Each structure stands twice: as C-alpha cells, then as structure tokens.
C-alpha cells in the first residue's frame, strides 16, 4: 500500500506543478487585461488558488497520516483532484 500511496503523491506533485504553471499563465494574462476584465480574471484565479491550496492541505494530511488513512482519504482526494483539474480546464477556455 505504501508504494501505491507514494506513487500517487509523486503523480500529484507533478500535476500540481503543471497546474501552478497554468495559474501563473492566467495571472500574466490577467495583468494585461482591461480593468473590468481584470476583476473577473482575478476572481477566477483566486478561486483556482483556493482549490489548489485545499488539495495541497489534503495531500499533506495524507502524507502525515500514512498508509492507514490512504483508503479512507483516497476517494475525497480524487474528487478534489478532479474538481481542480476541471476548474483549470474551464479557466483555460476563458483566458484564451
């Protein structure tokens, strides 16, 4: 079980790095937007960062609790992972 958990954590870290890069791109685009658009962009970016931070906190909790918590937390983490991924994809279409 420990190997599966560690593989998931590594996969998460890689994907989180990708999502952070996307959020940075969104921020750069927002910084060049007109004032009325900037407010909307910043709200979207803030929501993405909040979802990202929630997911990071859950992952840190999983890492600290170890293998015994893996099964209990896996489903909730999967849902949070999907939510953030879907939100990033949605934001991509709005920032293009």
Protein backbone atom coordinates (compact mmCIF):
# COMPACT_ATOMS: atom_id res chain seq x y z
CA UNK A 1 0.00 0.00 0.00
CA UNK A 2 2.84 2.39 0.77
CA UNK A 3 4.17 2.17 -2.77
CA UNK A 4 0.76 3.00 -4.22
CA UNK A 5 0.42 5.96 -1.89
CA UNK A 6 3.90 7.24 -2.73
CA UNK A 7 3.24 6.85 -6.47
CA UNK A 8 0.03 8.84 -6.08
CA UNK A 9 1.83 11.56 -4.14
CA UNK A 10 4.51 11.81 -6.82
CA UNK A 11 1.90 11.94 -9.58
CA UNK A 12 0.08 14.62 -7.62
CA UNK A 13 3.22 16.72 -7.25
CA UNK A 14 3.92 16.56 -10.97
CA UNK A 15 0.35 17.52 -11.86
CA UNK A 16 0.28 20.26 -9.25
CA UNK A 17 3.41 21.76 -10.79
CA UNK A 18 1.63 21.79 -14.17
CA UNK A 19 -1.45 23.44 -12.65
CA UNK A 20 0.68 26.03 -10.89
CA UNK A 21 2.27 26.91 -14.24
CA UNK A 22 -1.20 27.29 -15.76
CA UNK A 23 -2.31 29.56 -12.92
CA UNK A 24 0.83 31.65 -13.47
CA UNK A 25 -0.08 31.97 -17.16
CA UNK A 26 -3.59 33.07 -16.21
CA UNK A 27 -2.14 35.66 -13.84
CA UNK A 28 0.14 37.01 -16.57
CA UNK A 29 -2.81 37.28 -18.94
CA UNK A 30 -4.91 38.99 -16.28
CA UNK A 31 -2.17 41.54 -15.69
CA UNK A 32 -2.54 42.71 -19.29
CA UNK A 33 -6.35 42.80 -19.26
CA UNK A 34 -8.58 45.85 -19.21
CA UNK A 35 -9.74 46.93 -15.78
CA UNK A 36 -13.26 45.47 -15.99
CA UNK A 37 -11.90 42.15 -17.25
CA UNK A 38 -9.14 42.16 -14.67
CA UNK A 39 -11.62 41.93 -11.79
CA UNK A 40 -13.24 38.85 -13.32
CA UNK A 41 -9.89 37.22 -14.06
CA UNK A 42 -8.63 37.86 -10.55
CA UNK A 43 -11.74 36.26 -9.04
CA UNK A 44 -11.24 33.17 -11.18
CA UNK A 45 -7.55 32.99 -10.31
CA UNK A 46 -8.27 33.36 -6.60
CA UNK A 47 -10.83 30.53 -6.78
CA UNK A 48 -8.29 28.29 -8.51
CA UNK A 49 -5.65 29.09 -5.91
CA UNK A 50 -8.09 28.30 -3.10
CA UNK A 51 -8.96 24.92 -4.65
CA UNK A 52 -5.26 24.23 -5.16
CA UNK A 53 -4.44 25.09 -1.56
CA UNK A 54 -7.26 22.87 -0.25
CA UNK A 55 -5.94 19.97 -2.29
CA UNK A 56 -2.38 20.58 -1.09
CA UNK A 57 -3.59 20.56 2.51
CA UNK A 58 -5.40 17.26 1.99
CA UNK A 59 -2.30 15.77 0.41
CA UNK A 60 -0.11 16.97 3.29
CA UNK A 61 -2.58 15.42 5.71
CA UNK A 62 -2.43 12.14 3.82
CA UNK A 63 1.35 12.21 3.82
CA UNK A 64 1.44 12.73 7.59
CA UNK A 65 -1.16 10.09 8.45
CA UNK A 66 0.48 7.37 6.43
CA UNK A 67 -0.88 4.18 4.95
CA UNK A 68 -3.70 3.67 7.45
CA UNK A 69 -5.52 6.77 6.18
CA UNK A 70 -4.90 6.08 2.49
CA UNK A 71 -8.08 4.12 1.80
CA UNK A 72 -10.25 6.49 3.80
CA UNK A 73 -8.92 9.60 2.09
CA UNK A 74 -8.39 8.36 -1.47
CA UNK A 75 -11.92 8.98 -2.69
CA UNK A 76 -12.08 12.52 -1.29
CA UNK A 77 -8.69 13.33 -2.77
CA UNK A 78 -9.77 12.01 -6.14
CA UNK A 79 -12.81 14.25 -6.07
CA UNK A 80 -10.76 17.31 -5.08
CA UNK A 81 -8.18 16.46 -7.77
CA UNK A 82 -10.90 16.24 -10.45
CA UNK A 83 -12.53 19.46 -9.30
CA UNK A 84 -9.27 21.41 -9.56
CA UNK A 85 -8.41 19.84 -12.92
CA UNK A 86 -11.85 20.66 -14.31
CA UNK A 87 -11.58 24.21 -12.99
CA UNK A 88 -8.18 24.68 -14.66
CA UNK A 89 -9.54 23.40 -17.98
CA UNK A 90 -12.54 25.70 -17.70
CA UNK A 91 -10.33 28.66 -16.94
CA UNK A 92 -8.15 27.90 -19.97
CA UNK A 93 -11.12 28.50 -22.26
CA UNK A 94 -11.92 31.80 -20.55
CA UNK A 95 -8.36 33.08 -20.61
CA UNK A 96 -7.80 32.42 -24.32
